Amino acid sequence: MNSKPALSTNRCPRCAATFTCGMQAGEAACWCAAFPSAFAVPSVGSVDPALGCYCPRCLAELIDQKRALQGGAAQTPVQDR
């Protein structure tokens, strides 16, 4: 169990919610890796952290929209095992 509080490292460009990017926070991986691949993920430091990533809610909605346009089923993130 991780006892450190999560740091808000980003602000979603779609809804302005603050959230933590695992890569920006120095984690080995980010929460977004649990989502199905739908968008190119920028490398750390290649974009403004405040503009580069969507929050978990917006990313899920955008992935579902993209899949619907492509005729695929909606998908949610893979749960931790």
N, C-alpha and C. Protein backbone atom coordinates (compact mmCIF):
# COMPACT_ATOMS: atom_id res chain seq x y z
N MET A 1 0.85 -1.17 0.00
CA MET A 1 0.00 0.00 0.00
C MET A 1 0.89 1.23 0.00
N ASN A 2 0.63 2.15 -0.92
CA ASN A 2 1.41 3.37 -1.03
C ASN A 2 0.83 4.41 -0.07
N SER A 3 1.64 4.92 0.85
CA SER A 3 1.14 5.87 1.84
C SER A 3 1.35 7.33 1.42
N LYS A 4 2.09 7.55 0.31
CA LYS A 4 2.31 8.92 -0.15
C LYS A 4 1.04 9.46 -0.79
N PRO A 5 0.69 10.72 -0.50
CA PRO A 5 -0.46 11.31 -1.19
C PRO A 5 -0.12 11.54 -2.66
N ALA A 6 -1.10 11.40 -3.53
CA ALA A 6 -0.88 11.62 -4.95
C ALA A 6 -0.67 13.11 -5.21
N LEU A 7 0.26 13.42 -6.06
CA LEU A 7 0.55 14.79 -6.44
C LEU A 7 -0.25 15.14 -7.69
N SER A 8 -0.87 16.29 -7.72
CA SER A 8 -1.52 16.75 -8.94
C SER A 8 -0.43 17.31 -9.83
N THR A 9 -0.17 16.65 -10.93
CA THR A 9 0.89 17.07 -11.83
C THR A 9 0.36 17.67 -13.13
N ASN A 10 -0.91 17.45 -13.43
CA ASN A 10 -1.47 17.88 -14.70
C ASN A 10 -2.85 18.49 -14.53
N ARG A 11 -3.27 19.23 -15.55
CA ARG A 11 -4.64 19.75 -15.63
C ARG A 11 -5.17 19.30 -16.99
N CYS A 12 -6.32 18.67 -16.98
CA CYS A 12 -6.93 18.14 -18.20
C CYS A 12 -7.29 19.28 -19.15
N PRO A 13 -6.87 19.20 -20.41
CA PRO A 13 -7.20 20.25 -21.36
C PRO A 13 -8.67 20.23 -21.77
N ARG A 14 -9.37 19.16 -21.46
CA ARG A 14 -10.78 19.04 -21.85
C ARG A 14 -11.73 19.54 -20.77
N CYS A 15 -11.46 19.22 -19.49
CA CYS A 15 -12.40 19.59 -18.42
C CYS A 15 -11.75 20.42 -17.30
N ALA A 16 -10.46 20.60 -17.34
CA ALA A 16 -9.68 21.38 -16.38
C ALA A 16 -9.51 20.70 -15.02
N ALA A 17 -9.87 19.43 -14.91
CA ALA A 17 -9.64 18.69 -13.66
C ALA A 17 -8.14 18.49 -13.46
N THR A 18 -7.70 18.53 -12.21
CA THR A 18 -6.31 18.21 -11.92
C THR A 18 -6.20 16.72 -11.63
N PHE A 19 -5.07 16.15 -11.98
CA PHE A 19 -4.84 14.72 -11.78
C PHE A 19 -3.35 14.45 -11.75
N THR A 20 -2.99 13.25 -11.40
CA THR A 20 -1.59 12.86 -11.31
C THR A 20 -1.19 11.98 -12.47
N CYS A 21 -0.17 12.38 -13.18
CA CYS A 21 0.45 11.56 -14.21
C CYS A 21 1.56 10.76 -13.52
N GLY A 22 1.47 9.46 -13.59
CA GLY A 22 2.48 8.62 -12.94
C GLY A 22 3.88 8.90 -13.43
N MET A 23 4.03 9.15 -14.70
CA MET A 23 5.37 9.41 -15.25
C MET A 23 5.90 10.75 -14.73
N GLN A 24 5.05 11.77 -14.69
CA GLN A 24 5.47 13.07 -14.17
C GLN A 24 5.79 13.00 -12.68
N ALA A 25 5.09 12.09 -11.96
CA ALA A 25 5.29 11.95 -10.52
C ALA A 25 6.45 11.02 -10.19
N GLY A 26 7.13 10.49 -11.21
CA GLY A 26 8.28 9.63 -10.98
C GLY A 26 7.96 8.16 -10.77
N GLU A 27 6.73 7.76 -11.08
CA GLU A 27 6.35 6.35 -10.95
C GLU A 27 6.89 5.56 -12.14
N ALA A 28 6.93 4.24 -12.00
CA ALA A 28 7.41 3.38 -13.08
C ALA A 28 6.43 3.38 -14.26
N ALA A 29 5.15 3.57 -13.98
CA ALA A 29 4.13 3.59 -15.03
C ALA A 29 3.01 4.52 -14.60
N CYS A 30 2.19 4.89 -15.54
CA CYS A 30 1.06 5.78 -15.26
C CYS A 30 -0.24 5.00 -15.28
N TRP A 31 -1.27 5.53 -14.62
CA TRP A 31 -2.60 4.92 -14.60
C TRP A 31 -3.15 4.74 -16.00
N CYS A 32 -2.76 5.60 -16.93
CA CYS A 32 -3.32 5.54 -18.28
C CYS A 32 -2.90 4.27 -19.02
N ALA A 33 -1.83 3.62 -18.56
CA ALA A 33 -1.39 2.38 -19.20
C ALA A 33 -2.42 1.26 -19.06
N ALA A 34 -3.35 1.41 -18.12
CA ALA A 34 -4.40 0.40 -17.93
C ALA A 34 -5.52 0.53 -18.95
N PHE A 35 -5.56 1.65 -19.68
CA PHE A 35 -6.59 1.86 -20.69
C PHE A 35 -6.17 1.21 -22.00
N PRO A 36 -7.14 0.84 -22.84
CA PRO A 36 -6.78 0.32 -24.16
C PRO A 36 -6.09 1.40 -24.98
N SER A 37 -5.17 1.00 -25.81
CA SER A 37 -4.43 1.95 -26.63
C SER A 37 -5.37 2.58 -27.66
N ALA A 38 -5.46 3.89 -27.65
CA ALA A 38 -6.32 4.59 -28.60
C ALA A 38 -5.69 5.86 -29.12
N PHE A 39 -4.77 6.44 -28.35
CA PHE A 39 -4.13 7.69 -28.73
C PHE A 39 -2.63 7.55 -28.51
N ALA A 40 -1.86 8.29 -29.27
CA ALA A 40 -0.42 8.30 -29.06
C ALA A 40 -0.12 8.95 -27.72
N VAL A 41 0.76 8.33 -26.95
CA VAL A 41 1.15 8.87 -25.65
C VAL A 41 2.46 9.63 -25.83
N PRO A 42 2.48 10.90 -25.47
CA PRO A 42 3.72 11.67 -25.62
C PRO A 42 4.78 11.21 -24.62
N SER A 43 6.02 11.34 -25.00
CA SER A 43 7.09 10.99 -24.07
C SER A 43 7.18 12.06 -23.00
N VAL A 44 7.71 11.66 -21.84
CA VAL A 44 7.85 12.59 -20.72
C VAL A 44 8.72 13.77 -21.16
N GLY A 45 8.25 14.97 -20.87
CA GLY A 45 9.00 16.17 -21.20
C GLY A 45 8.80 16.69 -22.62
N SER A 46 8.06 15.94 -23.46
CA SER A 46 7.90 16.38 -24.85
C SER A 46 6.74 17.37 -25.03
N VAL A 47 5.85 17.45 -24.04
CA VAL A 47 4.72 18.39 -24.11
C VAL A 47 4.57 19.09 -22.77
N ASP A 48 3.87 20.19 -22.78
CA ASP A 48 3.57 20.91 -21.54
C ASP A 48 2.72 20.00 -20.66
N PRO A 49 3.16 19.66 -19.44
CA PRO A 49 2.41 18.75 -18.58
C PRO A 49 0.98 19.22 -18.31
N ALA A 50 0.74 20.50 -18.36
CA ALA A 50 -0.60 21.02 -18.10
C ALA A 50 -1.53 20.80 -19.30
N LEU A 51 -0.99 20.50 -20.46
CA LEU A 51 -1.81 20.37 -21.66
C LEU A 51 -1.71 19.01 -22.33
N GLY A 52 -0.77 18.19 -21.95
CA GLY A 52 -0.47 16.98 -22.71
C GLY A 52 -1.34 15.78 -22.50
N CYS A 53 -2.03 15.65 -21.38
CA CYS A 53 -2.76 14.43 -21.08
C CYS A 53 -4.19 14.74 -20.62
N TYR A 54 -5.07 13.78 -20.84
CA TYR A 54 -6.44 13.89 -20.35
C TYR A 54 -6.55 13.23 -18.99
N CYS A 55 -7.51 13.68 -18.18
CA CYS A 55 -7.77 13.06 -16.89
C CYS A 55 -8.40 11.67 -17.13
N PRO A 56 -8.45 10.82 -16.11
CA PRO A 56 -9.01 9.47 -16.30
C PRO A 56 -10.43 9.48 -16.87
N ARG A 57 -11.28 10.37 -16.39
CA ARG A 57 -12.67 10.40 -16.87
C ARG A 57 -12.74 10.79 -18.34
N CYS A 58 -12.03 11.85 -18.71
CA CYS A 58 -12.06 12.32 -20.10
C CYS A 58 -11.39 11.31 -21.03
N LEU A 59 -10.30 10.70 -20.61
CA LEU A 59 -9.65 9.70 -21.46
C LEU A 59 -10.60 8.54 -21.72
N ALA A 60 -11.29 8.06 -20.69
CA ALA A 60 -12.25 6.96 -20.88
C ALA A 60 -13.35 7.37 -21.86
N GLU A 61 -13.88 8.59 -21.71
CA GLU A 61 -14.94 9.06 -22.60
C GLU A 61 -14.45 9.18 -24.03
N LEU A 62 -13.25 9.72 -24.23
CA LEU A 62 -12.71 9.88 -25.57
C LEU A 62 -12.42 8.54 -26.23
N ILE A 63 -11.92 7.58 -25.46
CA ILE A 63 -11.68 6.24 -26.00
C ILE A 63 -13.00 5.61 -26.41
N ASP A 64 -14.02 5.73 -25.56
CA ASP A 64 -15.33 5.18 -25.89
C ASP A 64 -15.90 5.83 -27.15
N GLN A 65 -15.74 7.15 -27.29
CA GLN A 65 -16.22 7.85 -28.49
C GLN A 65 -15.49 7.36 -29.73
N LYS A 66 -14.19 7.21 -29.63
CA LYS A 66 -13.40 6.75 -30.77
C LYS A 66 -13.80 5.34 -31.17
N ARG A 67 -13.97 4.46 -30.18
CA ARG A 67 -14.38 3.08 -30.47
C ARG A 67 -15.77 3.04 -31.10
N ALA A 68 -16.69 3.89 -30.61
CA ALA A 68 -18.04 3.93 -31.17
C ALA A 68 -18.00 4.35 -32.64
N LEU A 69 -17.16 5.33 -32.96
CA LEU A 69 -17.02 5.77 -34.34
C LEU A 69 -16.45 4.67 -35.23
N GLN A 70 -15.63 3.80 -34.62
CA GLN A 70 -15.02 2.71 -35.36
C GLN A 70 -15.86 1.44 -35.31
N GLY A 71 -17.00 1.50 -34.64
CA GLY A 71 -17.89 0.35 -34.56
C GLY A 71 -17.51 -0.66 -33.50
N GLY A 72 -16.62 -0.29 -32.58
CA GLY A 72 -16.19 -1.21 -31.52
C GLY A 72 -16.96 -0.96 -30.24
N ALA A 73 -16.83 -1.90 -29.33
CA ALA A 73 -17.50 -1.79 -28.03
C ALA A 73 -16.72 -0.87 -27.10
N ALA A 74 -17.44 -0.23 -26.20
CA ALA A 74 -16.81 0.61 -25.18
C ALA A 74 -15.96 -0.25 -24.27
N GLN A 75 -14.83 0.29 -23.83
CA GLN A 75 -13.96 -0.45 -22.94
C GLN A 75 -13.55 0.42 -21.78
N THR A 76 -13.39 -0.19 -20.65
CA THR A 76 -12.94 0.48 -19.44
C THR A 76 -11.52 0.04 -19.14
N PRO A 77 -10.84 0.71 -18.25
CA PRO A 77 -9.46 0.35 -17.94
C PRO A 77 -9.35 -1.07 -17.39
N VAL A 78 -8.22 -1.68 -17.64
CA VAL A 78 -7.92 -2.99 -17.07
C VAL A 78 -7.70 -2.79 -15.58
N GLN A 79 -8.33 -3.59 -14.76
CA GLN A 79 -8.21 -3.45 -13.30
C GLN A 79 -6.90 -4.05 -12.81
N ASP A 80 -6.36 -3.47 -11.73
CA ASP A 80 -5.16 -4.02 -11.10
C ASP A 80 -5.44 -5.43 -10.64
N ARG A 81 -4.46 -6.27 -10.78
CA ARG A 81 -4.64 -7.67 -10.36
C ARG A 81 -4.02 -7.93 -9.05
